[in-house]
Protein backbone atom coordinates (compact mmCIF):
# COMPACT_ATOMS: atom_id res chain seq x y z
CA MET A 1 -124.28 67.48 -6.02
CA LEU A 2 -121.31 66.07 -8.06
CA ARG A 3 -121.38 62.33 -8.92
CA PRO A 4 -118.21 60.61 -10.26
CA PRO A 5 -118.41 59.31 -13.88
CA VAL A 6 -119.33 55.57 -14.18
CA LYS A 7 -116.05 54.90 -16.00
CA TRP A 8 -113.90 56.32 -13.30
CA ILE A 9 -115.61 54.05 -10.62
CA ALA A 10 -115.00 50.96 -13.01
CA LEU A 11 -111.36 51.76 -13.47
CA VAL A 12 -110.78 52.26 -9.74
CA SER A 13 -112.51 49.02 -8.78
CA SER A 14 -110.64 47.07 -11.48
CA CYS A 15 -107.23 48.38 -10.12
CA LEU A 16 -108.29 47.53 -6.67
CA LEU A 17 -109.32 44.00 -7.67
CA ILE A 18 -105.94 43.44 -9.60
CA SER A 19 -103.96 44.58 -6.50
CA ILE A 20 -105.87 42.25 -4.21
CA CYS A 21 -105.50 39.24 -6.54
CA SER A 22 -101.86 39.88 -7.01
CA GLN A 23 -101.05 40.16 -3.37
CA THR A 24 -103.02 36.90 -2.61
CA LEU A 25 -100.93 35.03 -5.50
CA HIS A 26 -97.70 36.28 -4.04
CA ALA A 27 -98.82 35.29 -0.51
CA GLN A 28 -99.74 31.83 -1.59
CA GLY A 29 -96.01 31.38 -3.02
CA LEU A 30 -96.84 31.43 -6.61
CA ALA A 31 -94.42 34.15 -7.26
CA LYS A 32 -90.66 33.53 -7.60
CA PRO A 33 -89.43 30.20 -6.14
CA SER A 34 -87.27 30.41 -3.10
CA ARG A 35 -84.07 28.34 -2.30
CA THR A 36 -86.02 26.24 0.11
CA ASP A 37 -87.92 24.75 -2.67
CA PHE A 38 -84.67 22.94 -3.90
CA LEU A 39 -83.53 21.50 -0.48
CA GLU A 40 -85.43 18.35 -1.07
CA VAL A 41 -83.15 17.45 -3.92
CA GLU A 42 -80.15 15.09 -3.23
CA PRO A 43 -77.05 17.10 -2.36
CA VAL A 44 -74.31 17.13 -5.06
CA PHE A 45 -71.55 18.04 -2.69
CA GLU A 46 -70.56 16.26 0.71
CA LEU A 47 -68.44 16.90 3.52
CA ILE A 48 -66.55 14.47 5.65
CA THR A 49 -64.42 14.86 8.73
CA VAL A 50 -61.50 12.61 9.86
CA ARG A 51 -60.00 13.14 13.28
CA LYS A 52 -56.15 12.61 13.01
CA SER A 53 -54.11 11.09 15.70
CA ASN A 54 -52.88 14.45 16.81
CA GLY A 55 -56.46 15.25 17.66
CA ALA A 56 -56.82 17.79 14.75
CA ASP A 57 -59.87 17.34 12.39
CA GLN A 58 -59.27 17.17 8.58
CA LEU A 59 -62.22 18.37 6.37
CA ILE A 60 -62.77 16.91 2.98
CA ARG A 61 -65.19 17.79 0.29
CA TYR A 62 -66.34 15.75 -2.65
CA SER A 63 -68.78 15.72 -5.45
CA ARG A 64 -71.12 12.78 -5.38
CA ARG A 65 -71.49 13.07 -9.15
CA THR A 66 -67.98 13.26 -10.32
CA GLY A 67 -65.86 12.09 -7.40
CA VAL A 68 -63.64 15.28 -7.65
CA THR A 69 -62.28 15.66 -4.12
CA SER A 70 -60.42 18.50 -2.23
CA TYR A 71 -59.27 18.96 1.29
CA LEU A 72 -59.11 22.12 3.51
CA LYS A 73 -55.71 23.49 4.27
CA LYS A 74 -55.20 26.93 5.79
CA ASN A 75 -58.83 28.03 4.98
CA ARG A 76 -58.35 27.00 1.26
CA TRP A 77 -59.53 24.06 -0.62
CA ARG A 78 -56.71 21.98 -2.20
CA LEU A 79 -57.66 19.73 -5.06
CA ILE A 80 -56.59 15.98 -4.88
CA LYS A 81 -55.23 15.22 -8.36
CA GLU A 82 -56.38 12.42 -10.61
CA ASN A 83 -53.97 9.73 -11.76
CA GLY A 84 -55.04 9.35 -15.61
CA ARG A 85 -58.79 8.98 -14.83
CA ARG A 86 -61.24 11.10 -16.91
CA VAL A 87 -63.75 12.59 -14.51
CA ARG A 88 -67.24 11.20 -15.62
CA ASN A 89 -70.70 11.41 -14.06
CA SER A 90 -71.55 8.47 -11.93
CA LEU A 91 -72.22 8.09 -8.14
CA TYR A 92 -69.28 8.15 -5.71
CA GLN A 93 -68.82 7.69 -2.22
CA VAL A 94 -65.55 8.80 -0.25
CA SER A 95 -64.29 7.48 3.22
CA ALA A 96 -61.41 8.77 5.31
CA THR A 97 -59.44 7.10 7.98
CA ALA A 98 -56.73 8.42 10.30
CA ASP A 99 -53.36 6.84 10.52
CA ALA A 100 -50.77 6.45 13.32
CA THR A 101 -48.48 9.05 12.04
CA GLY A 102 -51.03 11.89 12.26
CA GLY A 103 -52.03 11.83 8.77
CA TRP A 104 -55.18 10.54 6.92
CA ASN A 105 -56.20 8.02 4.25
CA LEU A 106 -58.77 8.64 1.69
CA TYR A 107 -60.68 6.18 -0.27
CA ARG A 108 -63.25 6.64 -3.17
CA MET A 109 -65.53 4.13 -4.84
CA ASP A 110 -67.86 4.35 -7.91
CA VAL A 111 -70.86 2.77 -6.41
CA LEU A 112 -72.35 1.96 -9.89
CA ASN A 113 -69.49 0.04 -11.28
CA GLY A 114 -67.29 -0.88 -8.23
CA ASP A 115 -64.13 0.94 -9.23
CA SER A 116 -62.26 2.23 -6.27
CA TRP A 117 -59.29 4.50 -5.62
CA ALA A 118 -56.89 5.38 -2.64
CA VAL A 119 -54.97 8.57 -2.32
CA SER A 120 -51.20 8.49 -2.17
CA SER A 121 -49.07 11.71 -2.25
CA LEU A 122 -52.41 13.70 -2.83
CA VAL A 123 -53.16 11.89 -6.07
CA TRP A 124 -56.03 9.38 -6.67
CA ASN A 125 -54.68 5.88 -7.69
CA LEU A 126 -56.80 2.94 -8.93
CA ILE A 127 -57.22 0.11 -6.38
CA GLU A 128 -56.57 -3.17 -8.48
CA GLU A 129 -59.60 -5.54 -8.63
CA ASP A 130 -59.46 -9.13 -7.59
CA GLY A 131 -62.72 -10.76 -8.14
CA VAL A 132 -64.93 -8.14 -6.31
CA LYS A 133 -66.92 -7.06 -9.48
CA GLU A 134 -69.83 -8.91 -10.98
CA PRO A 135 -68.88 -11.01 -13.81
CA THR A 136 -69.70 -9.67 -17.22
CA THR A 137 -72.18 -11.64 -19.50
CA GLU A 138 -69.24 -13.23 -21.43
CA GLN A 139 -67.68 -14.45 -18.37
CA ARG A 140 -70.85 -15.92 -16.98
CA TYR A 141 -71.49 -18.23 -19.96
CA LYS A 142 -67.93 -19.46 -20.40
C-alpha cells in the first residue's frame, strides 16, 4: 500500500486553504474598488435643460467647481467663453431661462462670494454688483 508523503499533503492543504481565503476576500469586496463606491461623492458636472419657446430643449453642462460651461449643438459640446475671468475653483450654480424669441438666457453665480455672470453672444459677462454682497470688515466699522 502506497502512502503519500506528509510534505505533499501539507503543500496541497496549504494551497487549498489559500485558494479558499482569497475567494472569500474577493467575494467580500476587499479586492479592486468598483465605480459604484464613488457614487456617494458630490458630482462635479451638472446638466440643466431649458425648453425654448419653439418647443426645443437646450442642454447645458457645467462644472460646479470651475463654472466652465458648454451647450450641446448638433451632438457636440460648444464652450461658452470667458470675458477676462480666470477660472478658479469655487462652487458655482448655473440657471437657464427661455426668451420669447426662441433663444435662451444663461446665468452663473459663485455661491461662495456672490459674483454672478450672464451670457451675451456666447460669452460670460460679469453682472455689476449693487449692494448684494456682505460688507467687508473695513466697510462694517466705518
